[in-house]
Structures are given as structure tokens and as C-alpha cells.
N, C-alpha and C. Protein backbone atom coordinates (compact mmCIF):
# COMPACT_ATOMS: atom_id res chain seq x y z
N UNK A 1 61.22 -12.63 141.84
CA UNK A 1 61.25 -13.27 142.59
C UNK A 1 60.57 -12.62 143.69
N UNK A 2 59.87 -13.47 144.34
CA UNK A 2 58.74 -13.19 145.76
C UNK A 2 59.69 -12.69 146.67
N UNK A 3 59.46 -11.75 147.30
CA UNK A 3 59.95 -11.36 149.01
C UNK A 3 59.56 -12.30 149.73
N UNK A 4 60.47 -12.58 150.66
CA UNK A 4 60.43 -13.16 151.81
C UNK A 4 60.07 -12.50 152.80
N UNK A 5 59.04 -13.12 153.44
CA UNK A 5 58.37 -12.50 155.37
C UNK A 5 58.34 -13.32 156.07
N UNK A 6 59.38 -12.46 156.98
CA UNK A 6 59.37 -13.26 158.36
C UNK A 6 58.21 -13.41 158.92
N UNK A 7 58.69 -14.44 159.75
CA UNK A 7 57.47 -15.32 160.53
C UNK A 7 57.36 -14.12 162.16
N UNK A 8 58.19 -13.67 162.62
CA UNK A 8 58.21 -12.37 163.40
C UNK A 8 59.07 -11.54 163.23
N UNK A 9 58.79 -9.68 163.28
CA UNK A 9 60.05 -9.26 163.33
C UNK A 9 60.46 -8.95 164.68
N UNK A 10 60.95 -8.45 164.87
CA UNK A 10 62.10 -7.52 165.29
C UNK A 10 60.77 -6.68 166.56
N UNK A 11 59.92 -6.10 166.04
CA UNK A 11 59.00 -5.03 166.61
C UNK A 11 57.84 -5.77 167.08
N UNK A 12 57.94 -6.99 166.75
CA UNK A 12 56.67 -8.25 167.38
C UNK A 12 57.20 -8.43 168.57
N UNK A 13 58.49 -9.44 168.01
CA UNK A 13 59.09 -9.82 169.35
C UNK A 13 58.86 -8.73 170.40
N UNK A 14 59.28 -7.30 170.21
CA UNK A 14 59.62 -6.69 171.46
C UNK A 14 58.31 -6.34 172.29
N UNK A 15 57.09 -6.58 171.26
CA UNK A 15 55.25 -6.22 172.06
C UNK A 15 55.74 -7.59 172.48
N UNK A 16 55.79 -8.08 172.39
CA UNK A 16 55.31 -10.02 172.94
C UNK A 16 55.87 -9.99 174.35
N UNK A 17 57.16 -9.66 174.08
CA UNK A 17 57.87 -8.72 175.33
C UNK A 17 57.45 -8.14 176.28
N UNK A 18 56.63 -7.22 175.73
CA UNK A 18 56.70 -5.68 176.55
C UNK A 18 57.24 -4.96 176.83
N UNK A 19 58.72 -4.77 175.66
CA UNK A 19 59.54 -3.73 175.96
C UNK A 19 60.22 -2.95 175.00
N UNK A 20 60.54 -1.81 174.95
CA UNK A 20 61.11 -0.76 174.55
C UNK A 20 62.30 -1.02 173.56
N UNK A 21 62.78 -0.13 172.79
CA UNK A 21 63.53 -0.74 172.02
C UNK A 21 65.02 0.03 172.64
N UNK A 22 64.72 0.54 173.82
CA UNK A 22 66.04 0.66 174.55
C UNK A 22 66.03 -0.49 175.34
N UNK A 23 65.25 -1.36 176.24
CA UNK A 23 65.60 -2.39 176.37
C UNK A 23 66.15 -3.76 176.20
N UNK A 24 65.10 -3.66 174.61
CA UNK A 24 65.42 -4.54 173.71
C UNK A 24 66.70 -4.30 173.32
N UNK A 25 67.16 -3.64 172.82
CA UNK A 25 68.41 -3.33 173.01
C UNK A 25 69.82 -3.63 173.72
N UNK A 26 69.19 -3.01 175.23
CA UNK A 26 70.25 -3.31 176.25
C UNK A 26 70.23 -4.97 176.75
N UNK A 27 69.14 -5.43 176.03
CA UNK A 27 69.21 -7.34 176.23
C UNK A 27 69.89 -7.81 175.52
N UNK A 28 69.97 -7.70 173.80
CA UNK A 28 71.12 -8.14 173.34
C UNK A 28 72.39 -7.54 172.95
N UNK A 29 72.99 -6.07 173.76
CA UNK A 29 74.01 -5.61 173.23
C UNK A 29 74.14 -4.80 172.45
N UNK A 30 73.21 -4.06 172.55
CA UNK A 30 73.26 -2.87 171.08
C UNK A 30 72.46 -2.05 171.28
N UNK A 31 71.91 -0.92 170.39
CA UNK A 31 71.61 0.42 170.74
C UNK A 31 70.45 0.18 170.42
N UNK A 32 69.55 1.46 171.11
CA UNK A 32 68.25 1.59 170.57
C UNK A 32 68.00 1.87 168.98
N UNK A 33 68.78 2.53 168.82
CA UNK A 33 69.35 3.43 167.23
C UNK A 33 69.16 1.97 166.45
N UNK A 34 69.84 1.21 167.08
CA UNK A 34 70.18 -0.19 166.07
C UNK A 34 68.94 -0.69 165.88
N UNK A 35 68.13 -0.96 167.03
CA UNK A 35 67.12 -1.62 166.85
C UNK A 35 66.22 -0.97 165.77
N UNK A 36 65.71 0.72 165.87
CA UNK A 36 65.22 1.14 165.14
C UNK A 36 65.25 0.98 164.09
N UNK A 37 66.30 1.23 163.47
CA UNK A 37 66.91 0.73 162.03
C UNK A 37 66.80 -0.49 161.69
N UNK A 38 66.96 -1.30 162.59
CA UNK A 38 66.07 -3.29 162.33
C UNK A 38 64.81 -2.97 161.65
N UNK A 39 64.36 -2.20 162.52
CA UNK A 39 62.54 -2.40 162.78
C UNK A 39 61.88 -1.42 161.12
N UNK A 40 63.06 -0.83 161.06
CA UNK A 40 62.78 0.43 159.52
C UNK A 40 63.11 -0.32 158.33
N UNK A 41 64.40 -1.61 158.49
CA UNK A 41 64.61 -2.24 157.43
C UNK A 41 65.62 -1.18 156.93
N UNK A 42 66.40 -0.72 157.58
CA UNK A 42 67.66 0.16 157.31
C UNK A 42 68.31 -0.77 157.44
N UNK A 43 68.55 -1.47 158.19
CA UNK A 43 70.50 -1.79 158.42
C UNK A 43 69.78 -3.24 158.67
N UNK A 44 70.89 -4.37 158.21
CA UNK A 44 70.52 -6.26 158.54
C UNK A 44 70.75 -6.05 159.79
N UNK A 45 70.53 -7.38 160.34
CA UNK A 45 70.84 -7.74 161.94
C UNK A 45 72.49 -8.09 161.74
N UNK A 46 73.36 -8.10 162.17
CA UNK A 46 74.33 -8.96 162.18
C UNK A 46 74.44 -10.31 162.86
N UNK A 47 75.59 -10.80 162.20
CA UNK A 47 75.29 -12.29 162.67
C UNK A 47 75.35 -12.37 164.30
N UNK A 48 76.46 -11.69 164.97
CA UNK A 48 76.25 -11.57 166.51
C UNK A 48 75.40 -11.27 166.97
N UNK A 49 74.62 -10.22 166.79
CA UNK A 49 73.28 -9.70 167.35
C UNK A 49 72.44 -10.57 166.86
N UNK A 50 72.13 -11.62 165.52
CA UNK A 50 71.27 -12.43 165.57
C UNK A 50 71.24 -13.50 166.06
N UNK A 51 72.82 -14.08 166.67
CA UNK A 51 72.91 -15.63 167.56
C UNK A 51 72.36 -14.79 169.04
N UNK A 52 72.65 -13.70 169.06
CA UNK A 52 72.40 -13.07 170.41
C UNK A 52 70.46 -13.35 170.46
N UNK A 53 69.65 -12.46 169.68
CA UNK A 53 68.65 -12.48 169.71
C UNK A 53 67.67 -14.06 170.01
N UNK A 54 67.97 -14.53 168.89
CA UNK A 54 67.80 -15.89 168.85
C UNK A 54 67.85 -16.81 170.09
N UNK A 55 69.12 -16.53 170.64
CA UNK A 55 69.29 -17.17 172.01
C UNK A 55 68.26 -16.93 173.40
N UNK A 56 68.83 -15.67 173.61
CA UNK A 56 67.85 -14.34 174.39
C UNK A 56 66.35 -15.12 174.32
N UNK A 57 65.92 -15.07 173.19
CA UNK A 57 64.44 -15.36 172.69
C UNK A 57 63.85 -16.61 172.33
N UNK A 58 64.70 -17.38 172.44
CA UNK A 58 64.25 -18.81 172.15
C UNK A 58 63.76 -19.03 170.72
N UNK A 59 64.18 -18.47 169.81
CA UNK A 59 63.45 -18.26 168.39
C UNK A 59 64.81 -18.98 167.38
N UNK A 60 64.29 -18.86 165.86
CA UNK A 60 65.40 -19.38 165.18
C UNK A 60 65.78 -17.94 163.58
N UNK A 61 66.97 -18.07 163.24
CA UNK A 61 67.39 -17.26 162.56
C UNK A 61 66.29 -16.59 161.06
N UNK A 62 66.11 -18.55 160.85
CA UNK A 62 64.89 -18.49 159.65
C UNK A 62 63.53 -17.59 160.00
N UNK A 63 63.04 -17.65 161.50
CA UNK A 63 62.07 -16.68 161.82
C UNK A 63 62.24 -15.20 161.39
N UNK A 64 63.01 -14.72 161.60
CA UNK A 64 63.31 -13.72 161.51
C UNK A 64 63.66 -13.37 160.07
N UNK A 65 64.22 -13.98 159.42
CA UNK A 65 64.57 -14.08 157.83
C UNK A 65 63.93 -14.15 156.90
N UNK A 66 62.74 -14.95 157.28
CA UNK A 66 61.82 -15.33 156.51
C UNK A 66 61.78 -16.91 155.30
N UNK A 67 62.65 -16.91 155.62
CA UNK A 67 63.07 -18.31 154.59
C UNK A 67 63.37 -19.69 155.79
């Protein structure tokens, strides 16, 4: 099965908005540690956080999931 590749990663999204992990985390209601774990693929983005990210940054969940 082929691996799905996201259209944009959290790290790329942060860079696009010139934000630190801490700033990005605060903007979506989580911690910098959680953002770091997302960027390292150590933790999946919860549905609640996915909605917050999509609404705040005007992207679709499929952009981050690569589907």
C-alpha cells in the first residue's frame, strides 16, 4: 500500500505563517510539545485540534492527511 503524503505539513504551515511551535500551539489551543509530536509523526492530530487548525488556517483536513 502506498504511503499518503500530505499536501502541507504542520511545520510547513507554521513556516508559512512565521510562527514558532509555541505560537502555533496557542493559536489552536494546545501545547508546543504536542505540536512537536505532530511534526515528528509521534502523535496524531485529534479531531478537535484538526477542526481548530482547519478553521484558523483555512485548510482542509485532507491537506494534512494527504488524502
